[in-house]
Amino acid sequence: YNVKLQYVSPPELKMPTEVTDYVKSKKISQTYFEDLLEAMPHTDVLYVTRIQKERFPSPEDYEKVKDSYLITPETLIKAKQGMIVMHPLPRVNEISVELDADPRAAYFRQAENGVLCENGFTCHVARQNVSHVARQVLVMLLGKC
């Protein structure tokens, strides 16, 4: 793969140097943007997270940027048709619910896959490390392991 990372954030939330140094040591291309729309035409996978209030020194600093990176249908006008939008969920307001019907919105599939992985892991652990009764309870809750 020819991976190219593009970071989009306000300066206050720029990717930590230890992360960018590690990525650089792996010879992976990196570009930093403050403007989301500038990065959009070059993006294959947009991984969105909320702007975390707790990372700012003051509420005023947070208020200045909190709505700067909202993902809406309008935001995706310049995006590739095959791009996907991922998000760890739950969302606050960083992704418009209007985007949910867009085929590029992959976050619900992402969440479903996470649940399936967790269930698989639980079933594996159940087979290995729990009593017969506990295994029956897990089967009742999760379905056949």
N, C-alpha and C. Protein backbone atom coordinates (compact mmCIF):
# COMPACT_ATOMS: atom_id res chain seq x y z
N TYR A 1 0.83 -1.18 0.00
CA TYR A 1 0.00 0.00 0.00
C TYR A 1 0.87 1.24 0.00
N ASN A 2 0.38 2.26 -0.64
CA ASN A 2 1.07 3.55 -0.64
C ASN A 2 0.29 4.49 0.28
N VAL A 3 0.45 4.29 1.58
CA VAL A 3 -0.31 5.05 2.57
C VAL A 3 0.23 6.46 2.68
N LYS A 4 -0.70 7.41 2.68
CA LYS A 4 -0.37 8.82 2.89
C LYS A 4 -1.31 9.33 3.97
N LEU A 5 -0.78 9.78 5.07
CA LEU A 5 -1.61 10.29 6.16
C LEU A 5 -1.79 11.79 6.02
N GLN A 6 -3.01 12.24 6.22
CA GLN A 6 -3.33 13.66 6.22
C GLN A 6 -4.01 13.96 7.54
N TYR A 7 -3.40 14.82 8.33
CA TYR A 7 -3.96 15.21 9.61
C TYR A 7 -4.68 16.54 9.43
N VAL A 8 -5.90 16.62 9.97
CA VAL A 8 -6.67 17.86 9.90
C VAL A 8 -7.10 18.20 11.32
N SER A 9 -6.67 19.38 11.78
CA SER A 9 -7.02 19.79 13.14
C SER A 9 -6.67 21.26 13.33
N PRO A 10 -7.22 21.84 14.38
CA PRO A 10 -6.74 23.18 14.75
C PRO A 10 -5.32 23.03 15.31
N PRO A 11 -4.53 24.10 15.28
CA PRO A 11 -3.14 24.02 15.77
C PRO A 11 -3.03 23.47 17.20
N GLU A 12 -4.05 23.78 18.02
CA GLU A 12 -4.00 23.34 19.42
C GLU A 12 -4.08 21.82 19.56
N LEU A 13 -4.58 21.16 18.54
CA LEU A 13 -4.76 19.70 18.61
C LEU A 13 -3.90 18.97 17.58
N LYS A 14 -2.86 19.61 17.16
CA LYS A 14 -1.96 19.02 16.17
C LYS A 14 -1.43 17.67 16.68
N MET A 15 -1.23 16.75 15.74
CA MET A 15 -0.73 15.42 16.10
C MET A 15 0.58 15.56 16.89
N PRO A 16 0.71 14.83 18.00
CA PRO A 16 1.94 14.94 18.81
C PRO A 16 3.19 14.55 18.02
N THR A 17 4.28 15.22 18.32
CA THR A 17 5.55 15.00 17.63
C THR A 17 6.00 13.55 17.71
N GLU A 18 5.79 12.90 18.86
CA GLU A 18 6.24 11.51 18.97
C GLU A 18 5.49 10.60 17.99
N VAL A 19 4.26 10.95 17.67
CA VAL A 19 3.50 10.17 16.69
C VAL A 19 4.03 10.45 15.28
N THR A 20 4.16 11.72 14.92
CA THR A 20 4.63 12.05 13.57
C THR A 20 6.07 11.58 13.36
N ASP A 21 6.89 11.62 14.39
CA ASP A 21 8.26 11.11 14.27
C ASP A 21 8.26 9.60 14.02
N TYR A 22 7.39 8.88 14.72
CA TYR A 22 7.30 7.43 14.52
C TYR A 22 6.83 7.12 13.10
N VAL A 23 5.79 7.82 12.64
CA VAL A 23 5.28 7.60 11.29
C VAL A 23 6.36 7.92 10.26
N LYS A 24 7.08 8.99 10.49
CA LYS A 24 8.17 9.37 9.59
C LYS A 24 9.24 8.29 9.55
N SER A 25 9.54 7.68 10.69
CA SER A 25 10.56 6.62 10.73
C SER A 25 10.15 5.41 9.92
N LYS A 26 8.85 5.26 9.66
CA LYS A 26 8.33 4.15 8.84
C LYS A 26 8.22 4.55 7.37
N LYS A 27 8.72 5.76 7.06
CA LYS A 27 8.71 6.27 5.68
C LYS A 27 7.30 6.42 5.10
N ILE A 28 6.38 6.84 5.96
CA ILE A 28 5.00 7.09 5.54
C ILE A 28 4.81 8.59 5.35
N SER A 29 4.27 8.97 4.21
CA SER A 29 4.04 10.36 3.89
C SER A 29 2.99 10.96 4.84
N GLN A 30 3.23 12.21 5.28
CA GLN A 30 2.31 12.89 6.19
C GLN A 30 2.14 14.33 5.74
N THR A 31 0.91 14.82 5.81
CA THR A 31 0.62 16.21 5.51
C THR A 31 -0.34 16.72 6.58
N TYR A 32 -0.13 17.95 7.00
CA TYR A 32 -0.99 18.56 8.01
C TYR A 32 -1.84 19.66 7.37
N PHE A 33 -3.12 19.66 7.67
CA PHE A 33 -4.04 20.69 7.19
C PHE A 33 -4.80 21.28 8.37
N GLU A 34 -5.06 22.57 8.31
CA GLU A 34 -6.01 23.18 9.24
C GLU A 34 -7.38 23.26 8.59
N ASP A 35 -7.43 23.26 7.27
CA ASP A 35 -8.67 23.39 6.52
C ASP A 35 -9.11 22.02 6.01
N LEU A 36 -10.22 21.53 6.52
CA LEU A 36 -10.75 20.23 6.13
C LEU A 36 -11.03 20.15 4.64
N LEU A 37 -11.62 21.19 4.09
CA LEU A 37 -11.99 21.18 2.67
C LEU A 37 -10.77 21.08 1.76
N GLU A 38 -9.64 21.58 2.22
CA GLU A 38 -8.40 21.49 1.44
C GLU A 38 -7.92 20.04 1.34
N ALA A 39 -8.13 19.26 2.38
CA ALA A 39 -7.69 17.87 2.40
C ALA A 39 -8.67 16.94 1.69
N MET A 40 -9.92 17.33 1.61
CA MET A 40 -10.99 16.44 1.16
C MET A 40 -10.76 15.79 -0.21
N PRO A 41 -10.33 16.52 -1.25
CA PRO A 41 -10.20 15.89 -2.57
C PRO A 41 -9.13 14.79 -2.64
N HIS A 42 -8.23 14.76 -1.66
CA HIS A 42 -7.12 13.81 -1.67
C HIS A 42 -7.33 12.66 -0.68
N THR A 43 -8.51 12.55 -0.11
CA THR A 43 -8.76 11.63 0.99
C THR A 43 -9.55 10.41 0.54
N ASP A 44 -9.05 9.22 0.91
CA ASP A 44 -9.76 7.97 0.64
C ASP A 44 -10.57 7.51 1.84
N VAL A 45 -10.01 7.72 3.04
CA VAL A 45 -10.69 7.35 4.28
C VAL A 45 -10.62 8.56 5.21
N LEU A 46 -11.78 9.05 5.59
CA LEU A 46 -11.86 10.18 6.52
C LEU A 46 -12.26 9.61 7.88
N TYR A 47 -11.34 9.63 8.83
CA TYR A 47 -11.62 9.14 10.17
C TYR A 47 -11.88 10.35 11.05
N VAL A 48 -13.10 10.49 11.51
CA VAL A 48 -13.54 11.68 12.24
C VAL A 48 -13.66 11.36 13.72
N THR A 49 -13.19 12.27 14.54
CA THR A 49 -13.45 12.20 15.99
C THR A 49 -13.95 13.58 16.43
N ARG A 50 -14.53 13.63 17.58
CA ARG A 50 -15.01 14.91 18.08
C ARG A 50 -13.84 15.77 18.55
N ILE A 51 -14.03 17.06 18.55
CA ILE A 51 -13.03 17.95 19.15
C ILE A 51 -13.27 17.89 20.65
N GLN A 52 -12.28 17.47 21.37
CA GLN A 52 -12.44 17.19 22.80
C GLN A 52 -12.21 18.44 23.65
N LYS A 53 -13.28 18.85 24.28
CA LYS A 53 -13.27 20.04 25.13
C LYS A 53 -12.19 19.96 26.21
N GLU A 54 -12.00 18.76 26.75
CA GLU A 54 -11.05 18.57 27.85
C GLU A 54 -9.60 18.78 27.44
N ARG A 55 -9.31 18.89 26.16
CA ARG A 55 -7.94 19.09 25.69
C ARG A 55 -7.55 20.57 25.58
N PHE A 56 -8.48 21.45 25.88
CA PHE A 56 -8.22 22.88 25.75
C PHE A 56 -7.98 23.51 27.12
N PRO A 57 -7.10 24.50 27.17
CA PRO A 57 -6.81 25.14 28.46
C PRO A 57 -7.96 25.95 29.02
N SER A 58 -8.86 26.41 28.14
CA SER A 58 -9.99 27.21 28.63
C SER A 58 -11.23 26.92 27.77
N PRO A 59 -12.40 27.14 28.34
CA PRO A 59 -13.64 26.96 27.56
C PRO A 59 -13.70 27.90 26.35
N GLU A 60 -13.11 29.07 26.47
CA GLU A 60 -13.11 30.04 25.36
C GLU A 60 -12.32 29.50 24.17
N ASP A 61 -11.18 28.87 24.45
CA ASP A 61 -10.37 28.29 23.37
C ASP A 61 -11.14 27.19 22.65
N TYR A 62 -11.86 26.37 23.40
CA TYR A 62 -12.68 25.31 22.82
C TYR A 62 -13.78 25.90 21.95
N GLU A 63 -14.47 26.92 22.47
CA GLU A 63 -15.59 27.53 21.75
C GLU A 63 -15.16 28.08 20.39
N LYS A 64 -13.91 28.54 20.28
CA LYS A 64 -13.42 29.11 19.02
C LYS A 64 -13.38 28.07 17.90
N VAL A 65 -13.13 26.81 18.22
CA VAL A 65 -12.92 25.81 17.17
C VAL A 65 -13.91 24.65 17.19
N LYS A 66 -14.79 24.59 18.15
CA LYS A 66 -15.63 23.40 18.35
C LYS A 66 -16.44 22.99 17.12
N ASP A 67 -16.86 23.93 16.31
CA ASP A 67 -17.68 23.61 15.14
C ASP A 67 -16.92 23.80 13.82
N SER A 68 -15.61 23.81 13.89
CA SER A 68 -14.80 24.09 12.70
C SER A 68 -14.70 22.92 11.74
N TYR A 69 -14.96 21.71 12.20
CA TYR A 69 -14.72 20.53 11.37
C TYR A 69 -15.96 19.64 11.30
N LEU A 70 -17.11 20.24 11.12
CA LEU A 70 -18.34 19.48 11.03
C LEU A 70 -18.43 18.81 9.65
N ILE A 71 -18.83 17.55 9.64
CA ILE A 71 -18.97 16.81 8.39
C ILE A 71 -20.45 16.80 8.02
N THR A 72 -20.75 17.40 6.88
CA THR A 72 -22.12 17.50 6.38
C THR A 72 -22.12 17.06 4.91
N PRO A 73 -23.29 16.88 4.32
CA PRO A 73 -23.31 16.57 2.89
C PRO A 73 -22.56 17.63 2.06
N GLU A 74 -22.64 18.88 2.46
CA GLU A 74 -21.93 19.95 1.75
C GLU A 74 -20.41 19.79 1.86
N THR A 75 -19.95 19.32 3.01
CA THR A 75 -18.52 19.11 3.20
C THR A 75 -17.98 18.09 2.21
N LEU A 76 -18.81 17.12 1.85
CA LEU A 76 -18.36 16.03 0.99
C LEU A 76 -18.50 16.31 -0.50
N ILE A 77 -18.91 17.51 -0.86
CA ILE A 77 -19.07 17.83 -2.28
C ILE A 77 -17.76 17.61 -3.04
N LYS A 78 -16.63 18.00 -2.46
CA LYS A 78 -15.34 17.85 -3.15
C LYS A 78 -14.66 16.53 -2.84
N ALA A 79 -15.33 15.67 -2.08
CA ALA A 79 -14.73 14.37 -1.71
C ALA A 79 -14.85 13.38 -2.86
N LYS A 80 -13.97 12.40 -2.85
CA LYS A 80 -14.04 11.32 -3.83
C LYS A 80 -15.34 10.54 -3.62
N GLN A 81 -15.91 10.05 -4.71
CA GLN A 81 -17.13 9.26 -4.61
C GLN A 81 -16.90 7.96 -3.84
N GLY A 82 -15.70 7.41 -3.92
CA GLY A 82 -15.40 6.15 -3.24
C GLY A 82 -14.83 6.31 -1.84
N MET A 83 -14.71 7.55 -1.38
CA MET A 83 -14.18 7.78 -0.03
C MET A 83 -15.14 7.21 1.00
N ILE A 84 -14.61 6.80 2.16
CA ILE A 84 -15.49 6.40 3.26
C ILE A 84 -15.25 7.29 4.46
N VAL A 85 -16.30 7.48 5.24
CA VAL A 85 -16.24 8.28 6.46
C VAL A 85 -16.40 7.33 7.63
N MET A 86 -15.40 7.32 8.51
CA MET A 86 -15.43 6.47 9.69
C MET A 86 -15.49 7.35 10.94
N HIS A 87 -16.01 6.77 12.02
CA HIS A 87 -16.13 7.48 13.30
C HIS A 87 -16.29 6.43 14.39
N PRO A 88 -15.67 6.61 15.55
CA PRO A 88 -15.78 5.59 16.60
C PRO A 88 -17.14 5.53 17.29
N LEU A 89 -17.98 6.53 17.07
CA LEU A 89 -19.30 6.62 17.71
C LEU A 89 -19.20 6.48 19.24
N PRO A 90 -20.06 7.05 20.01
CA PRO A 90 -21.17 7.89 19.58
C PRO A 90 -20.68 9.26 19.13
N ARG A 91 -21.45 9.90 18.34
CA ARG A 91 -21.09 11.23 17.87
C ARG A 91 -21.77 12.27 18.74
N VAL A 92 -21.23 13.46 18.72
CA VAL A 92 -21.85 14.59 19.40
C VAL A 92 -22.57 15.38 18.31
N ASN A 93 -21.83 16.24 17.61
CA ASN A 93 -22.41 16.97 16.47
C ASN A 93 -21.43 17.03 15.30
N GLU A 94 -20.34 16.28 15.38
CA GLU A 94 -19.28 16.41 14.37
C GLU A 94 -19.64 15.80 13.02
N ILE A 95 -20.64 14.91 12.98
CA ILE A 95 -21.13 14.36 11.72
C ILE A 95 -22.65 14.57 11.69
N SER A 96 -23.11 15.25 10.66
CA SER A 96 -24.54 15.52 10.51
C SER A 96 -25.29 14.20 10.30
N VAL A 97 -26.46 14.09 10.91
CA VAL A 97 -27.29 12.90 10.70
C VAL A 97 -27.74 12.81 9.25
N GLU A 98 -27.73 13.91 8.52
CA GLU A 98 -28.06 13.90 7.10
C GLU A 98 -27.08 13.04 6.30
N LEU A 99 -25.90 12.84 6.84
CA LEU A 99 -24.87 12.06 6.14
C LEU A 99 -25.10 10.55 6.30
N ASP A 100 -25.92 10.15 7.24
CA ASP A 100 -26.11 8.72 7.53
C ASP A 100 -26.55 7.91 6.32
N ALA A 101 -27.31 8.50 5.43
CA ALA A 101 -27.82 7.78 4.25
C ALA A 101 -26.80 7.76 3.11
N ASP A 102 -25.74 8.53 3.21
CA ASP A 102 -24.71 8.56 2.16
C ASP A 102 -23.95 7.24 2.15
N PRO A 103 -23.77 6.62 1.00
CA PRO A 103 -23.06 5.33 0.96
C PRO A 103 -21.61 5.42 1.46
N ARG A 104 -21.06 6.62 1.52
CA ARG A 104 -19.69 6.79 2.03
C ARG A 104 -19.64 6.74 3.55
N ALA A 105 -20.79 6.86 4.21
CA ALA A 105 -20.85 6.81 5.67
C ALA A 105 -20.66 5.36 6.11
N ALA A 106 -19.49 5.06 6.64
CA ALA A 106 -19.16 3.68 7.02
C ALA A 106 -19.22 3.46 8.52
N TYR A 107 -19.57 4.46 9.30
CA TYR A 107 -19.45 4.35 10.76
C TYR A 107 -20.42 3.35 11.38
N PHE A 108 -21.60 3.16 10.82
CA PHE A 108 -22.49 2.14 11.39
C PHE A 108 -21.97 0.74 11.07
N ARG A 109 -21.46 0.54 9.85
CA ARG A 109 -20.84 -0.75 9.51
C ARG A 109 -19.62 -0.99 10.40
N GLN A 110 -18.86 0.07 10.63
CA GLN A 110 -17.68 0.00 11.50
C GLN A 110 -18.09 -0.44 12.91
N ALA A 111 -19.15 0.15 13.44
CA ALA A 111 -19.63 -0.22 14.78
C ALA A 111 -20.12 -1.66 14.80
N GLU A 112 -20.86 -2.06 13.77
CA GLU A 112 -21.36 -3.44 13.70
C GLU A 112 -20.20 -4.43 13.66
N ASN A 113 -19.19 -4.12 12.87
CA ASN A 113 -18.01 -5.00 12.81
C ASN A 113 -17.31 -5.07 14.16
N GLY A 114 -17.28 -3.95 14.88
CA GLY A 114 -16.68 -3.96 16.21
C GLY A 114 -17.42 -4.88 17.15
N VAL A 115 -18.74 -4.85 17.09
CA VAL A 115 -19.56 -5.72 17.94
C VAL A 115 -19.30 -7.18 17.58
N LEU A 116 -19.25 -7.48 16.29
CA LEU A 116 -18.97 -8.86 15.87
C LEU A 116 -17.61 -9.33 16.36
N CYS A 117 -16.61 -8.45 16.28
CA CYS A 117 -15.27 -8.81 16.78
C CYS A 117 -15.29 -9.05 18.29
N GLU A 118 -15.99 -8.17 19.01
CA GLU A 118 -16.09 -8.35 20.47
C GLU A 118 -16.80 -9.65 20.81
N ASN A 119 -17.87 -9.97 20.08
CA ASN A 119 -18.59 -11.22 20.33
C ASN A 119 -17.69 -12.42 20.03
N GLY A 120 -16.95 -12.34 18.94
CA GLY A 120 -16.04 -13.43 18.60
C GLY A 120 -14.98 -13.62 19.68
N PHE A 121 -14.45 -12.52 20.16
CA PHE A 121 -13.44 -12.60 21.23
C PHE A 121 -14.06 -13.19 22.49
N THR A 122 -15.26 -12.73 22.83
CA THR A 122 -15.94 -13.25 24.02
C THR A 122 -16.19 -14.75 23.90
N CYS A 123 -16.62 -15.17 22.72
CA CYS A 123 -16.85 -16.61 22.49
C CYS A 123 -15.55 -17.39 22.64
N HIS A 124 -14.48 -16.84 22.10
CA HIS A 124 -13.18 -17.51 22.21
C HIS A 124 -12.77 -17.66 23.68
N VAL A 125 -12.91 -16.58 24.41
CA VAL A 125 -12.56 -16.62 25.84
C VAL A 125 -13.48 -17.59 26.57
N ALA A 126 -14.76 -17.58 26.20
CA ALA A 126 -15.72 -18.47 26.86
C ALA A 126 -15.33 -19.93 26.65
N ARG A 127 -14.87 -20.26 25.46
CA ARG A 127 -14.46 -21.64 25.20
C ARG A 127 -13.22 -22.02 26.00
N GLN A 128 -12.41 -21.03 26.30
CA GLN A 128 -11.12 -21.31 26.92
C GLN A 128 -11.15 -21.27 28.45
N ASN A 129 -11.87 -20.29 29.00
CA ASN A 129 -11.60 -19.95 30.40
C ASN A 129 -12.80 -19.90 31.34
N VAL A 130 -13.99 -20.30 30.92
CA VAL A 130 -15.11 -20.17 31.83
C VAL A 130 -15.80 -21.50 32.05
N SER A 131 -16.56 -21.53 33.09
CA SER A 131 -17.28 -22.76 33.44
C SER A 131 -18.39 -23.02 32.44
N HIS A 132 -18.94 -24.21 32.52
CA HIS A 132 -20.04 -24.61 31.64
C HIS A 132 -21.25 -23.69 31.82
N VAL A 133 -21.57 -23.32 33.04
CA VAL A 133 -22.72 -22.45 33.31
C VAL A 133 -22.49 -21.06 32.70
N ALA A 134 -21.31 -20.51 32.91
CA ALA A 134 -21.00 -19.19 32.34
C ALA A 134 -21.07 -19.24 30.82
N ARG A 135 -20.61 -20.32 30.22
CA ARG A 135 -20.66 -20.47 28.77
C ARG A 135 -22.11 -20.47 28.30
N GLN A 136 -23.00 -21.15 29.03
CA GLN A 136 -24.42 -21.18 28.65
C GLN A 136 -25.04 -19.78 28.72
N VAL A 137 -24.66 -19.02 29.72
CA VAL A 137 -25.16 -17.65 29.84
C VAL A 137 -24.70 -16.82 28.64
N LEU A 138 -23.43 -16.94 28.27
CA LEU A 138 -22.92 -16.20 27.11
C LEU A 138 -23.64 -16.60 25.84
N VAL A 139 -23.91 -17.87 25.66
CA VAL A 139 -24.63 -18.35 24.48
C VAL A 139 -26.03 -17.75 24.46
N MET A 140 -26.68 -17.68 25.60
CA MET A 140 -28.01 -17.07 25.66
C MET A 140 -27.97 -15.61 25.28
N LEU A 141 -26.94 -14.89 25.72
CA LEU A 141 -26.83 -13.46 25.46
C LEU A 141 -26.38 -13.16 24.03
N LEU A 142 -25.42 -13.94 23.53
CA LEU A 142 -24.80 -13.62 22.26
C LEU A 142 -25.24 -14.48 21.10
N GLY A 143 -25.88 -15.58 21.37
CA GLY A 143 -26.17 -16.53 20.32
C GLY A 143 -25.10 -17.62 20.35
N LYS A 144 -25.17 -18.51 19.40
CA LYS A 144 -24.24 -19.65 19.39
C LYS A 144 -22.80 -19.18 19.23
N CYS A 145 -21.92 -19.66 20.09
CA CYS A 145 -20.50 -19.32 19.99
C CYS A 145 -19.80 -20.39 19.16
